Amino acid sequence: MSLELASDGTVTGSDGCNQLNGTWELDDDDIDFSDLAATMMACEGVDTWLSGADSATLAGDELTVIGENDAVIGTLERS
């Protein structure tokens, strides 16, 4: 799983099967995702939680991804 936050405000990534893209904005250590879209391939054995990202918080090298109802849905480590 990966997300790449580009300096032009675009975000791309993969949940291990599906591709993701959209836009992002930084407010202090909070990241808001907009227009996040994912391909919808059926991938057996792949957890597609990353496609449910609404926002994220950054603490050190860890990105905590937040989905609906402000629920933490996962974390990613900076590479």
PDB file of N, CA and C in Angstrom:
ATOM      1  N   MET A   1       0.844  -1.173   0.000  1.00  0.00           N
ATOM      2  CA  MET A   1       0.000   0.000   0.000  1.00  0.00           C
ATOM      3  C   MET A   1       0.887   1.232   0.000  1.00  0.00           C
ATOM      4  N   SER A   2       0.410   2.236  -0.725  1.00  0.00           N
ATOM      5  CA  SER A   2       1.202   3.453  -0.783  1.00  0.00           C
ATOM      6  C   SER A   2       0.348   4.638  -1.192  1.00  0.00           C
ATOM      7  N   LEU A   3       0.782   5.809  -0.744  1.00  0.00           N
ATOM      8  CA  LEU A   3       0.231   7.087  -1.186  1.00  0.00           C
ATOM      9  C   LEU A   3       1.402   7.993  -1.489  1.00  0.00           C
ATOM     10  N   GLU A   4       1.311   8.742  -2.566  1.00  0.00           N
ATOM     11  CA  GLU A   4       2.319   9.746  -2.880  1.00  0.00           C
ATOM     12  C   GLU A   4       1.621  11.095  -2.962  1.00  0.00           C
ATOM     13  N   LEU A   5       2.024  11.991  -2.061  1.00  0.00           N
ATOM     14  CA  LEU A   5       1.453  13.334  -2.017  1.00  0.00           C
ATOM     15  C   LEU A   5       2.403  14.265  -2.756  1.00  0.00           C
ATOM     16  N   ALA A   6       2.034  14.675  -3.956  1.00  0.00           N
ATOM     17  CA  ALA A   6       2.892  15.513  -4.784  1.00  0.00           C
ATOM     18  C   ALA A   6       2.764  16.985  -4.381  1.00  0.00           C
ATOM     19  N   SER A   7       3.815  17.751  -4.648  1.00  0.00           N
ATOM     20  CA  SER A   7       3.834  19.170  -4.275  1.00  0.00           C
ATOM     21  C   SER A   7       2.794  19.993  -5.024  1.00  0.00           C
ATOM     22  N   ASP A   8       2.266  19.477  -6.133  1.00  0.00           N
ATOM     23  CA  ASP A   8       1.236  20.203  -6.880  1.00  0.00           C
ATOM     24  C   ASP A   8      -0.172  19.966  -6.338  1.00  0.00           C
ATOM     25  N   GLY A   9      -0.280  19.223  -5.220  1.00  0.00           N
ATOM     26  CA  GLY A   9      -1.577  18.983  -4.592  1.00  0.00           C
ATOM     27  C   GLY A   9      -2.295  17.743  -5.083  1.00  0.00           C
ATOM     28  N   THR A  10      -1.633  16.932  -5.905  1.00  0.00           N
ATOM     29  CA  THR A  10      -2.255  15.687  -6.340  1.00  0.00           C
ATOM     30  C   THR A  10      -1.778  14.535  -5.466  1.00  0.00           C
ATOM     31  N   VAL A  11      -2.621  13.535  -5.343  1.00  0.00           N
ATOM     32  CA  VAL A  11      -2.277  12.324  -4.602  1.00  0.00           C
ATOM     33  C   VAL A  11      -2.516  11.129  -5.519  1.00  0.00           C
ATOM     34  N   THR A  12      -1.573  10.201  -5.522  1.00  0.00           N
ATOM     35  CA  THR A  12      -1.717   8.943  -6.242  1.00  0.00           C
ATOM     36  C   THR A  12      -1.310   7.825  -5.288  1.00  0.00           C
ATOM     37  N   GLY A  13      -1.764   6.639  -5.564  1.00  0.00           N
ATOM     38  CA  GLY A  13      -1.392   5.534  -4.700  1.00  0.00           C
ATOM     39  C   GLY A  13      -1.976   4.222  -5.160  1.00  0.00           C
ATOM     40  N   SER A  14      -1.797   3.225  -4.313  1.00  0.00           N
ATOM     41  CA  SER A  14      -2.287   1.885  -4.592  1.00  0.00           C
ATOM     42  C   SER A  14      -2.608   1.186  -3.274  1.00  0.00           C
ATOM     43  N   ASP A  15      -3.682   0.415  -3.279  1.00  0.00           N
ATOM     44  CA  ASP A  15      -4.018  -0.379  -2.094  1.00  0.00           C
ATOM     45  C   ASP A  15      -3.477  -1.800  -2.221  1.00  0.00           C
ATOM     46  N   GLY A  16      -2.596  -2.011  -3.185  1.00  0.00           N
ATOM     47  CA  GLY A  16      -2.048  -3.329  -3.444  1.00  0.00           C
ATOM     48  C   GLY A  16      -2.715  -4.003  -4.624  1.00  0.00           C
ATOM     49  N   CYS A  17      -3.773  -3.391  -5.123  1.00  0.00           N
ATOM     50  CA  CYS A  17      -4.501  -3.918  -6.276  1.00  0.00           C
ATOM     51  C   CYS A  17      -5.063  -2.770  -7.109  1.00  0.00           C
ATOM     52  N   ASN A  18      -5.828  -1.914  -6.487  1.00  0.00           N
ATOM     53  CA  ASN A  18      -6.464  -0.781  -7.167  1.00  0.00           C
ATOM     54  C   ASN A  18      -5.593   0.464  -7.108  1.00  0.00           C
ATOM     55  N   GLN A  19      -5.691   1.284  -8.149  1.00  0.00           N
ATOM     56  CA  GLN A  19      -4.985   2.562  -8.202  1.00  0.00           C
ATOM     57  C   GLN A  19      -5.883   3.652  -7.644  1.00  0.00           C
ATOM     58  N   LEU A  20      -5.278   4.609  -6.922  1.00  0.00           N
ATOM     59  CA  LEU A  20      -6.003   5.730  -6.338  1.00  0.00           C
ATOM     60  C   LEU A  20      -5.442   7.032  -6.887  1.00  0.00           C
ATOM     61  N   ASN A  21      -6.314   8.038  -7.013  1.00  0.00           N
ATOM     62  CA  ASN A  21      -5.844   9.375  -7.360  1.00  0.00           C
ATOM     63  C   ASN A  21      -6.852  10.407  -6.885  1.00  0.00           C
ATOM     64  N   GLY A  22      -6.373  11.622  -6.691  1.00  0.00           N
ATOM     65  CA  GLY A  22      -7.215  12.714  -6.233  1.00  0.00           C
ATOM     66  C   GLY A  22      -6.348  13.918  -5.902  1.00  0.00           C
ATOM     67  N   THR A  23      -6.822  14.730  -4.977  1.00  0.00           N
ATOM     68  CA  THR A  23      -6.077  15.905  -4.552  1.00  0.00           C
ATOM     69  C   THR A  23      -5.984  15.925  -3.034  1.00  0.00           C
ATOM     70  N   TRP A  24      -5.039  16.729  -2.532  1.00  0.00           N
ATOM     71  CA  TRP A  24      -4.850  16.842  -1.088  1.00  0.00           C
ATOM     72  C   TRP A  24      -4.476  18.271  -0.728  1.00  0.00           C
ATOM     73  N   GLU A  25      -4.767  18.631   0.546  1.00  0.00           N
ATOM     74  CA  GLU A  25      -4.412  19.926   1.116  1.00  0.00           C
ATOM     75  C   GLU A  25      -3.879  19.704   2.516  1.00  0.00           C
ATOM     76  N   LEU A  26      -2.840  20.442   2.879  1.00  0.00           N
ATOM     77  CA  LEU A  26      -2.225  20.325   4.196  1.00  0.00           C
ATOM     78  C   LEU A  26      -2.645  21.493   5.072  1.00  0.00           C
ATOM     79  N   ASP A  27      -3.067  21.194   6.299  1.00  0.00           N
ATOM     80  CA  ASP A  27      -3.403  22.197   7.302  1.00  0.00           C
ATOM     81  C   ASP A  27      -2.708  21.773   8.595  1.00  0.00           C
ATOM     82  N   ASP A  28      -1.563  22.395   8.910  1.00  0.00           N
ATOM     83  CA  ASP A  28      -0.689  21.960  10.002  1.00  0.00           C
ATOM     84  C   ASP A  28      -0.255  20.521   9.730  1.00  0.00           C
ATOM     85  N   ASP A  29      -0.627  19.577  10.589  1.00  0.00           N
ATOM     86  CA  ASP A  29      -0.279  18.175  10.379  1.00  0.00           C
ATOM     87  C   ASP A  29      -1.462  17.358   9.880  1.00  0.00           C
ATOM     88  N   ASP A  30      -2.544  18.043   9.485  1.00  0.00           N
ATOM     89  CA  ASP A  30      -3.743  17.369   8.987  1.00  0.00           C
ATOM     90  C   ASP A  30      -3.789  17.457   7.473  1.00  0.00           C
ATOM     91  N   ILE A  31      -4.151  16.358   6.846  1.00  0.00           N
ATOM     92  CA  ILE A  31      -4.250  16.286   5.391  1.00  0.00           C
ATOM     93  C   ILE A  31      -5.698  15.974   5.042  1.00  0.00           C
ATOM     94  N   ASP A  32      -6.259  16.788   4.152  1.00  0.00           N
ATOM     95  CA  ASP A  32      -7.616  16.550   3.661  1.00  0.00           C
ATOM     96  C   ASP A  32      -7.542  16.084   2.219  1.00  0.00           C
ATOM     97  N   PHE A  33      -8.205  14.960   1.924  1.00  0.00           N
ATOM     98  CA  PHE A  33      -8.252  14.438   0.573  1.00  0.00           C
ATOM     99  C   PHE A  33      -9.548  14.879  -0.089  1.00  0.00           C
ATOM    100  N   SER A  34      -9.460  15.229  -1.380  1.00  0.00           N
ATOM    101  CA  SER A  34     -10.640  15.596  -2.163  1.00  0.00           C
ATOM    102  C   SER A  34     -10.639  14.786  -3.444  1.00  0.00           C
ATOM    103  N   ASP A  35     -11.823  14.500  -3.926  1.00  0.00           N
ATOM    104  CA  ASP A  35     -11.971  13.812  -5.210  1.00  0.00           C
ATOM    105  C   ASP A  35     -11.140  12.538  -5.280  1.00  0.00           C
ATOM    106  N   LEU A  36     -10.996  11.822  -4.155  1.00  0.00           N
ATOM    107  CA  LEU A  36     -10.219  10.582  -4.146  1.00  0.00           C
ATOM    108  C   LEU A  36     -11.031   9.490  -4.844  1.00  0.00           C
ATOM    109  N   ALA A  37     -10.460   8.956  -5.904  1.00  0.00           N
ATOM    110  CA  ALA A  37     -11.127   7.915  -6.681  1.00  0.00           C
ATOM    111  C   ALA A  37     -10.208   6.700  -6.766  1.00  0.00           C
ATOM    112  N   ALA A  38     -10.827   5.541  -6.868  1.00  0.00           N
ATOM    113  CA  ALA A  38     -10.059   4.299  -6.971  1.00  0.00           C
ATOM    114  C   ALA A  38     -10.662   3.418  -8.044  1.00  0.00           C
ATOM    115  N   THR A  39      -9.800   2.669  -8.724  1.00  0.00           N
ATOM    116  CA  THR A  39     -10.317   1.650  -9.624  1.00  0.00           C
ATOM    117  C   THR A  39     -11.024   0.617  -8.753  1.00  0.00           C
ATOM    118  N   MET A  40     -11.892  -0.158  -9.331  1.00  0.00           N
ATOM    119  CA  MET A  40     -12.703  -1.090  -8.549  1.00  0.00           C
ATOM    120  C   MET A  40     -12.496  -2.540  -8.997  1.00  0.00           C
ATOM    121  N   MET A  41     -11.240  -2.926  -9.130  1.00  0.00           N
ATOM    122  CA  MET A  41     -10.940  -4.305  -9.508  1.00  0.00           C
ATOM    123  C   MET A  41     -11.207  -5.233  -8.324  1.00  0.00           C
ATOM    124  N   ALA A  42     -11.686  -6.416  -8.621  1.00  0.00           N
ATOM    125  CA  ALA A  42     -11.890  -7.424  -7.582  1.00  0.00           C
ATOM    126  C   ALA A  42     -10.564  -8.144  -7.363  1.00  0.00           C
ATOM    127  N   CYS A  43     -10.006  -7.971  -6.178  1.00  0.00           N
ATOM    128  CA  CYS A  43      -8.688  -8.530  -5.894  1.00  0.00           C
ATOM    129  C   CYS A  43      -8.789  -9.421  -4.665  1.00  0.00           C
ATOM    130  N   GLU A  44      -8.747 -10.681  -4.892  1.00  0.00           N
ATOM    131  CA  GLU A  44      -8.879 -11.635  -3.805  1.00  0.00           C
ATOM    132  C   GLU A  44      -7.710 -11.507  -2.831  1.00  0.00           C
ATOM    133  N   GLY A  45      -8.032 -11.430  -1.548  1.00  0.00           N
ATOM    134  CA  GLY A  45      -7.015 -11.385  -0.513  1.00  0.00           C
ATOM    135  C   GLY A  45      -6.392 -10.022  -0.280  1.00  0.00           C
ATOM    136  N   VAL A  46      -6.911  -8.970  -0.924  1.00  0.00           N
ATOM    137  CA  VAL A  46      -6.372  -7.626  -0.740  1.00  0.00           C
ATOM    138  C   VAL A  46      -7.358  -6.802   0.078  1.00  0.00           C
ATOM    139  N   ASP A  47      -6.876  -6.197   1.146  1.00  0.00           N
ATOM    140  CA  ASP A  47      -7.696  -5.312   1.978  1.00  0.00           C
ATOM    141  C   ASP A  47      -7.658  -3.924   1.347  1.00  0.00           C
ATOM    142  N   THR A  48      -8.786  -3.432   0.893  1.00  0.00           N
ATOM    143  CA  THR A  48      -8.849  -2.170   0.148  1.00  0.00           C
ATOM    144  C   THR A  48      -9.215  -0.977   1.030  1.00  0.00           C
ATOM    145  N   TRP A  49      -8.833  -0.982   2.298  1.00  0.00           N
ATOM    146  CA  TRP A  49      -9.202   0.084   3.231  1.00  0.00           C
ATOM    147  C   TRP A  49      -8.722   1.455   2.773  1.00  0.00           C
ATOM    148  N   LEU A  50      -7.606   1.537   2.079  1.00  0.00           N
ATOM    149  CA  LEU A  50      -7.032   2.821   1.703  1.00  0.00           C
ATOM    150  C   LEU A  50      -7.961   3.632   0.794  1.00  0.00           C
ATOM    151  N   SER A  51      -8.795   2.973   0.020  1.00  0.00           N
ATOM    152  CA  SER A  51      -9.710   3.685  -0.869  1.00  0.00           C
ATOM    153  C   SER A  51     -10.801   4.431  -0.095  1.00  0.00           C
ATOM    154  N   GLY A  52     -10.941   4.166   1.204  1.00  0.00           N
ATOM    155  CA  GLY A  52     -11.923   4.854   2.038  1.00  0.00           C
ATOM    156  C   GLY A  52     -11.372   6.079   2.745  1.00  0.00           C
ATOM    157  N   ALA A  53     -10.197   6.541   2.365  1.00  0.00           N
ATOM    158  CA  ALA A  53      -9.553   7.683   3.032  1.00  0.00           C
ATOM    159  C   ALA A  53     -10.298   8.987   2.771  1.00  0.00           C
ATOM    160  N   ASP A  54     -10.602   9.707   3.849  1.00  0.00           N
ATOM    161  CA  ASP A  54     -11.170  11.055   3.760  1.00  0.00           C
ATOM    162  C   ASP A  54     -10.136  12.104   4.146  1.00  0.00           C
ATOM    163  N   SER A  55      -9.280  11.730   5.114  1.00  0.00           N
ATOM    164  CA  SER A  55      -8.256  12.642   5.610  1.00  0.00           C
ATOM    165  C   SER A  55      -7.163  11.820   6.263  1.00  0.00           C
ATOM    166  N   ALA A  56      -6.152  12.519   6.786  1.00  0.00           N
ATOM    167  CA  ALA A  56      -5.054  11.824   7.462  1.00  0.00           C
ATOM    168  C   ALA A  56      -4.350  12.806   8.390  1.00  0.00           C
ATOM    169  N   THR A  57      -3.623  12.265   9.343  1.00  0.00           N
ATOM    170  CA  THR A  57      -2.773  13.078  10.204  1.00  0.00           C
ATOM    171  C   THR A  57      -1.353  12.544  10.093  1.00  0.00           C
ATOM    172  N   LEU A  58      -0.410  13.463  10.150  1.00  0.00           N
ATOM    173  CA  LEU A  58       0.989  13.111  10.029  1.00  0.00           C
ATOM    174  C   LEU A  58       1.685  13.346  11.359  1.00  0.00           C
ATOM    175  N   ALA A  59       2.342  12.307  11.866  1.00  0.00           N
ATOM    176  CA  ALA A  59       3.116  12.401  13.100  1.00  0.00           C
ATOM    177  C   ALA A  59       4.442  11.688  12.853  1.00  0.00           C
ATOM    178  N   GLY A  60       5.507  12.467  12.725  1.00  0.00           N
ATOM    179  CA  GLY A  60       6.803  11.878  12.408  1.00  0.00           C
ATOM    180  C   GLY A  60       6.768  11.247  11.036  1.00  0.00           C
ATOM    181  N   ASP A  61       7.061   9.953  10.972  1.00  0.00           N
ATOM    182  CA  ASP A  61       7.052   9.222   9.707  1.00  0.00           C
ATOM    183  C   ASP A  61       5.809   8.357   9.535  1.00  0.00           C
ATOM    184  N   GLU A  62       4.777   8.597  10.361  1.00  0.00           N
ATOM    185  CA  GLU A  62       3.571   7.780  10.287  1.00  0.00           C
ATOM    186  C   GLU A  62       2.371   8.625   9.863  1.00  0.00           C
ATOM    187  N   LEU A  63       1.681   8.142   8.832  1.00  0.00           N
ATOM    188  CA  LEU A  63       0.468   8.773   8.345  1.00  0.00           C
ATOM    189  C   LEU A  63      -0.708   7.938   8.831  1.00  0.00           C
ATOM    190  N   THR A  64      -1.553   8.530   9.676  1.00  0.00           N
ATOM    191  CA  THR A  64      -2.750   7.851  10.155  1.00  0.00           C
ATOM    192  C   THR A  64      -3.900   8.245   9.244  1.00  0.00           C
ATOM    193  N   VAL A  65      -4.494   7.265   8.603  1.00  0.00           N
ATOM    194  CA  VAL A  65      -5.542   7.502   7.606  1.00  0.00           C
ATOM    195  C   VAL A  65      -6.905   7.389   8.273  1.00  0.00           C
ATOM    196  N   ILE A  66      -7.753   8.394   7.988  1.00  0.00           N
ATOM    197  CA  ILE A  66      -9.068   8.507   8.616  1.00  0.00           C
ATOM    198  C   ILE A  66     -10.138   8.395   7.534  1.00  0.00           C
ATOM    199  N   GLY A  67     -11.182   7.617   7.830  1.00  0.00           N
ATOM    200  CA  GLY A  67     -12.282   7.412   6.892  1.00  0.00           C
ATOM    201  C   GLY A  67     -13.553   8.074   7.382  1.00  0.00           C
ATOM    202  N   GLU A  68     -14.677   7.484   7.017  1.00  0.00           N
ATOM    203  CA  GLU A  68     -15.984   8.007   7.399  1.00  0.00           C
ATOM    204  C   GLU A  68     -16.118   8.097   8.916  1.00  0.00           C
ATOM    205  N   ASN A  69     -16.891   9.081   9.351  1.00  0.00           N
ATOM    206  CA  ASN A  69     -17.183   9.295  10.773  1.00  0.00           C
ATOM    207  C   ASN A  69     -15.924   9.459  11.608  1.00  0.00           C
ATOM    208  N   ASP A  70     -14.851   9.996  11.001  1.00  0.00           N
ATOM    209  CA  ASP A  70     -13.578  10.249  11.690  1.00  0.00           C
ATOM    210  C   ASP A  70     -12.956   9.002  12.304  1.00  0.00           C
ATOM    211  N   ALA A  71     -13.234   7.840  11.727  1.00  0.00           N
ATOM    212  CA  ALA A  71     -12.680   6.579  12.223  1.00  0.00           C
ATOM    213  C   ALA A  71     -11.305   6.328  11.603  1.00  0.00           C
ATOM    214  N   VAL A  72     -10.335   5.943  12.430  1.00  0.00           N
ATOM    215  CA  VAL A  72      -9.020   5.551  11.939  1.00  0.00           C
ATOM    216  C   VAL A  72      -9.173   4.234  11.187  1.00  0.00           C
ATOM    217  N   ILE A  73      -8.719   4.222   9.911  1.00  0.00           N
ATOM    218  CA  ILE A  73      -8.858   3.005   9.115  1.00  0.00           C
ATOM    219  C   ILE A  73      -7.522   2.334   8.830  1.00  0.00           C
ATOM    220  N   GLY A  74      -6.408   3.010   9.131  1.00  0.00           N
ATOM    221  CA  GLY A  74      -5.106   2.381   8.927  1.00  0.00           C
ATOM    222  C   GLY A  74      -3.973   3.373   9.039  1.00  0.00           C
ATOM    223  N   THR A  75      -2.748   2.861   8.950  1.00  0.00           N
ATOM    224  CA  THR A  75      -1.565   3.706   9.003  1.00  0.00           C
ATOM    225  C   THR A  75      -0.604   3.305   7.894  1.00  0.00           C
ATOM    226  N   LEU A  76       0.182   4.281   7.462  1.00  0.00           N
ATOM    227  CA  LEU A  76       1.241   4.056   6.481  1.00  0.00           C
ATOM    228  C   LEU A  76       2.526   4.658   7.008  1.00  0.00           C
ATOM    229  N   GLU A  77       3.644   4.005   6.756  1.00  0.00           N
ATOM    230  CA  GLU A  77       4.963   4.523   7.143  1.00  0.00           C
ATOM    231  C   GLU A  77       5.599   5.234   5.971  1.00  0.00           C
ATOM    232  N   ARG A  78       6.270   6.358   6.236  1.00  0.00           N
ATOM    233  CA  ARG A  78       6.969   7.091   5.187  1.00  0.00           C
ATOM    234  C   ARG A  78       8.138   6.251   4.680  1.00  0.00           C
ATOM    235  N   SER A  79       8.308   6.237   3.358  1.00  0.00           N
ATOM    236  CA  SER A  79       9.422   5.473   2.797  1.00  0.00           C
ATOM    237  C   SER A  79      10.434   6.407   2.165  1.00  0.00           C
TER     238      SER A  79
END
